[in-house]
Protein backbone atom coordinates (compact mmCIF):
# COMPACT_ATOMS: atom_id res chain seq x y z
CA MET A 1 -37.78 31.35 -41.46
CA ILE A 2 -34.44 29.81 -39.79
CA LYS A 3 -33.33 31.67 -36.75
CA ILE A 4 -29.02 30.91 -35.44
CA ARG A 5 -28.17 32.59 -32.41
CA ILE A 6 -24.43 32.57 -32.30
CA GLY A 7 -21.91 33.47 -29.37
CA LYS A 8 -26.08 35.12 -27.20
CA LYS A 9 -25.88 34.32 -23.36
CA LYS A 10 -28.85 33.97 -21.53
CA GLU A 11 -30.99 37.12 -20.82
CA GLU A 12 -30.14 38.86 -18.24
CA GLY A 13 -31.67 37.37 -14.79
CA SER A 14 -32.18 34.39 -16.05
CA CYS A 15 -31.56 31.70 -13.05
CA PRO A 16 -32.73 28.56 -12.61
CA LYS A 17 -35.73 27.40 -11.54
CA ALA A 18 -34.69 26.12 -7.68
CA THR A 19 -32.55 28.81 -7.03
CA GLN A 20 -35.86 30.83 -6.91
CA ASP A 21 -37.72 28.72 -6.14
CA ILE A 22 -37.49 27.40 -2.48
CA GLU A 23 -39.90 24.15 -2.60
CA LEU A 24 -38.50 22.84 -6.02
CA ASN A 25 -34.57 23.19 -4.55
CA THR A 26 -35.75 21.03 -1.06
CA LYS A 27 -37.29 18.23 -3.51
CA ASN A 28 -34.28 18.25 -5.40
CA ARG A 29 -31.57 18.42 -2.94
CA ASN A 30 -33.76 15.50 -1.02
CA ALA A 31 -33.75 13.12 -3.72
CA ALA A 32 -29.97 13.60 -4.32
CA ILE A 33 -29.59 12.89 -0.82
CA LYS A 34 -32.17 9.50 -1.01
CA ALA A 35 -31.16 8.50 -4.27
CA GLU A 36 -28.36 5.50 -4.08
CA HIS A 37 -26.49 6.76 -7.35
CA ILE A 38 -26.10 9.76 -5.73
CA GLN A 39 -25.63 10.13 -2.31
CA TYR A 40 -25.15 13.97 -1.93
CA GLY A 41 -23.55 15.05 1.97
CA PRO A 42 -22.82 14.57 4.34
CA LEU A 43 -25.77 15.97 6.57
CA ASN A 44 -22.83 16.96 9.41
CA LEU A 45 -19.43 16.96 7.94
CA SER A 46 -18.32 15.01 11.12
CA ASP A 47 -19.77 11.76 9.29
CA GLU A 48 -16.86 9.78 9.17
CA ASP A 49 -18.96 6.73 8.70
CA TYR A 50 -19.98 8.95 4.99
CA TYR A 51 -16.85 8.85 3.47
CA VAL A 52 -15.85 5.87 4.32
CA ARG A 53 -19.27 4.86 2.19
CA VAL A 54 -17.65 7.60 -0.55
CA ALA A 55 -14.42 5.63 -0.09
CA LYS A 56 -15.85 2.28 -0.89
CA HIS A 57 -18.05 2.80 -3.94
CA TRP A 58 -15.03 4.48 -5.81
CA ASN A 59 -12.89 2.20 -4.32
CA THR A 60 -10.39 4.58 -2.80
CA SER A 61 -9.32 5.44 0.45
CA VAL A 62 -10.99 7.76 2.86
CA ASP A 63 -8.78 10.91 2.95
CA VAL A 64 -8.89 10.73 -0.50
CA ALA A 65 -13.37 11.05 -0.84
CA LYS A 66 -12.94 13.60 1.94
CA LYS A 67 -10.73 15.84 -1.03
CA SER A 68 -13.01 15.08 -3.78
CA LYS A 69 -15.83 17.94 -2.68
CA CYS A 70 -18.33 19.72 -4.77
CA SER A 71 -16.29 23.09 -4.57
CA ASN A 72 -13.37 21.32 -6.97
CA CYS A 73 -16.87 19.48 -8.75
CA THR A 74 -17.22 19.77 -12.56
CA ALA A 75 -21.21 20.68 -11.81
CA PHE A 76 -20.58 23.07 -8.66
CA ASP A 77 -21.03 26.81 -10.19
CA ILE A 78 -20.15 29.53 -7.95
CA SER A 79 -19.77 32.37 -11.00
CA PRO A 80 -20.50 35.67 -10.45
CA ARG A 81 -23.82 35.31 -12.19
CA MET A 82 -25.20 32.33 -10.47
CA LEU A 83 -24.20 33.95 -7.02
CA GLU A 84 -26.77 36.26 -8.44
CA CYS A 85 -28.85 34.43 -8.56
CA LEU A 86 -28.66 32.88 -5.29
CA PRO A 87 -31.47 34.64 -2.66
CA GLY A 88 -30.67 36.45 0.62
CA PRO A 89 -28.03 36.77 2.12
CA VAL A 90 -26.31 33.83 0.29
CA SER A 91 -25.95 35.85 -2.52
CA GLN A 92 -23.29 37.83 -0.29
CA PRO A 93 -21.50 34.88 -0.87
CA ILE A 94 -21.64 33.09 2.16
CA GLU A 95 -19.14 31.33 3.72
CA ASP A 96 -18.47 29.91 6.76
CA GLU A 97 -15.79 27.94 7.99
CA GLU A 98 -16.30 25.20 5.97
CA GLY A 99 -16.70 26.46 2.36
CA MET A 100 -19.39 28.26 0.65
CA LEU A 101 -23.19 27.83 -0.75
CA GLY A 102 -23.18 27.30 -4.69
CA TYR A 103 -25.15 25.36 -7.70
CA CYS A 104 -25.34 22.45 -8.39
CA TRP A 105 -26.23 21.33 -12.27
CA MET A 106 -26.08 17.62 -12.34
CA HIS A 107 -28.98 17.57 -9.47
CA ARG A 108 -30.49 21.14 -9.94
CA PHE A 109 -30.11 21.94 -6.62
CA LYS A 110 -28.59 24.35 -4.49
CA CYS A 111 -25.30 22.47 -2.21
CA HIS A 112 -22.16 23.63 -0.57
CA SER A 113 -18.89 23.20 -1.15
CA ALA A 114 -17.67 20.48 1.66
CA ARG A 115 -20.41 17.89 0.58
CA THR A 116 -19.69 15.56 -1.82
CA CYS A 117 -21.69 12.91 -3.73
CA TYR A 118 -21.66 9.63 -5.91
CA THR A 119 -21.33 11.54 -8.99
CA TRP A 120 -18.49 13.88 -8.23
CA ALA A 121 -16.02 14.64 -11.00
CA ALA A 122 -12.90 16.43 -11.12
CA GLY A 123 -12.31 19.06 -13.21
CA GLY A 124 -14.02 22.63 -11.02
CA PRO A 125 -15.76 24.63 -9.97
CA ILE A 126 -17.29 26.75 -12.78
CA ASP A 127 -16.18 30.74 -11.87
CA LYS A 128 -16.47 31.67 -14.83
CA ASP A 129 -20.71 33.25 -15.86
CA SER A 130 -19.95 32.15 -19.89
CA VAL A 131 -19.20 28.68 -17.94
CA SER A 132 -22.09 29.15 -16.05
CA TYR A 133 -24.94 29.06 -19.08
CA SER A 134 -23.21 26.45 -21.14
CA TRP A 135 -24.18 24.69 -18.14
CA GLN A 136 -28.01 26.48 -18.06
CA GLU A 137 -28.33 25.91 -21.59
CA ARG A 138 -27.29 21.83 -21.97
CA SER A 139 -29.18 21.51 -18.57
CA GLU A 140 -32.27 23.23 -20.51
CA GLU A 141 -31.58 20.69 -23.62
CA SER A 142 -31.87 17.85 -21.45
CA LEU A 143 -34.83 18.85 -19.25
CA SER A 144 -36.97 19.02 -22.65
CA GLU A 145 -35.88 16.13 -24.80
CA GLY A 146 -37.34 12.83 -23.78
CA TRP A 147 -37.18 9.07 -25.45
CA SER A 148 -39.34 8.81 -28.45
CA LYS A 149 -41.47 5.27 -27.38
CA GLY A 150 -39.41 3.82 -30.43
CA GLU A 151 -36.52 4.17 -28.19
CA ARG A 152 -37.67 3.71 -25.08
CA SER A 153 -38.98 0.41 -26.73
CA LYS A 154 -35.28 -0.74 -27.94
CA ARG A 155 -33.48 0.47 -24.33
CA LYS A 156 -35.71 -1.26 -22.85
CA ASN A 157 -34.68 -4.58 -24.78
CA LYS A 158 -31.11 -4.08 -24.05
CA CYS A 159 -31.75 -3.97 -20.09
CA ASP A 160 -30.51 -8.00 -19.84
CA ASN A 161 -26.90 -6.37 -20.33
CA PRO A 162 -26.91 -3.12 -19.72
CA LYS A 163 -24.04 -1.03 -19.97
CA GLY A 164 -22.94 2.81 -19.33
CA PHE A 165 -24.42 4.49 -15.67
CA THR A 166 -27.91 6.47 -17.41
CA MET A 167 -28.25 2.66 -19.46
CA LYS A 168 -28.18 0.94 -15.26
CA GLN A 169 -30.57 3.67 -14.44
CA PHE A 170 -33.07 3.40 -16.69
CA CYS A 171 -33.05 0.36 -16.32
CA LYS A 172 -33.53 0.04 -12.80
CA ASN A 173 -36.20 2.46 -13.42
CA GLN A 174 -38.31 -0.19 -15.51
CA LYS A 175 -37.93 -2.86 -12.97
CA SER A 176 -39.93 -0.67 -11.00
CA ARG A 177 -42.78 0.62 -13.50
CA SER A 178 -45.39 -1.86 -13.94
CA LYS A 179 -46.93 -3.05 -17.52
CA LYS A 180 -49.06 0.46 -17.63
CA GLY A 181 -45.54 2.30 -16.79
CA GLU A 182 -47.18 3.55 -13.92
CA LYS A 183 -44.62 3.23 -10.65
CA LYS A 184 -44.91 0.45 -8.04
CA ASN A 185 -45.39 1.81 -4.08
């Protein structure tokens, strides 16, 4: 029997795991801070050095880098349903003089609208439930998809001249693994 789902939303109350699990959220956020290709921040919003690094990474001015925030990123979710997912007082929503808390679909953690990262992309924020559910569906699909051994081998052979962000990250990860597939210390 084939089931076809047309226009059906996720069940009410289906929130991203990181919004409900502080350990997972913290793990994902810390990984985004430390990852060379993400560099989420700045932790202190007055950290000018952070914006200088971002501007250099993007090959733009510091003023432009400062305007490229989570608040206007295509993956920043502040939809009504997402604000309901954020636990505690943040679901009011929390706002301070710098901005508000939302959810980053790219890196799967609760983030602040005044911050940014190297993977920022114009076009946000997400403020409609339907768009939020669409991001969640795609996010869950990407987590369940994995490369087969054949695909991994084929990609590994292309590491001499990687093209594109995903391929470059794959090759970078391959260099940090031993022959048995375990991470090197």
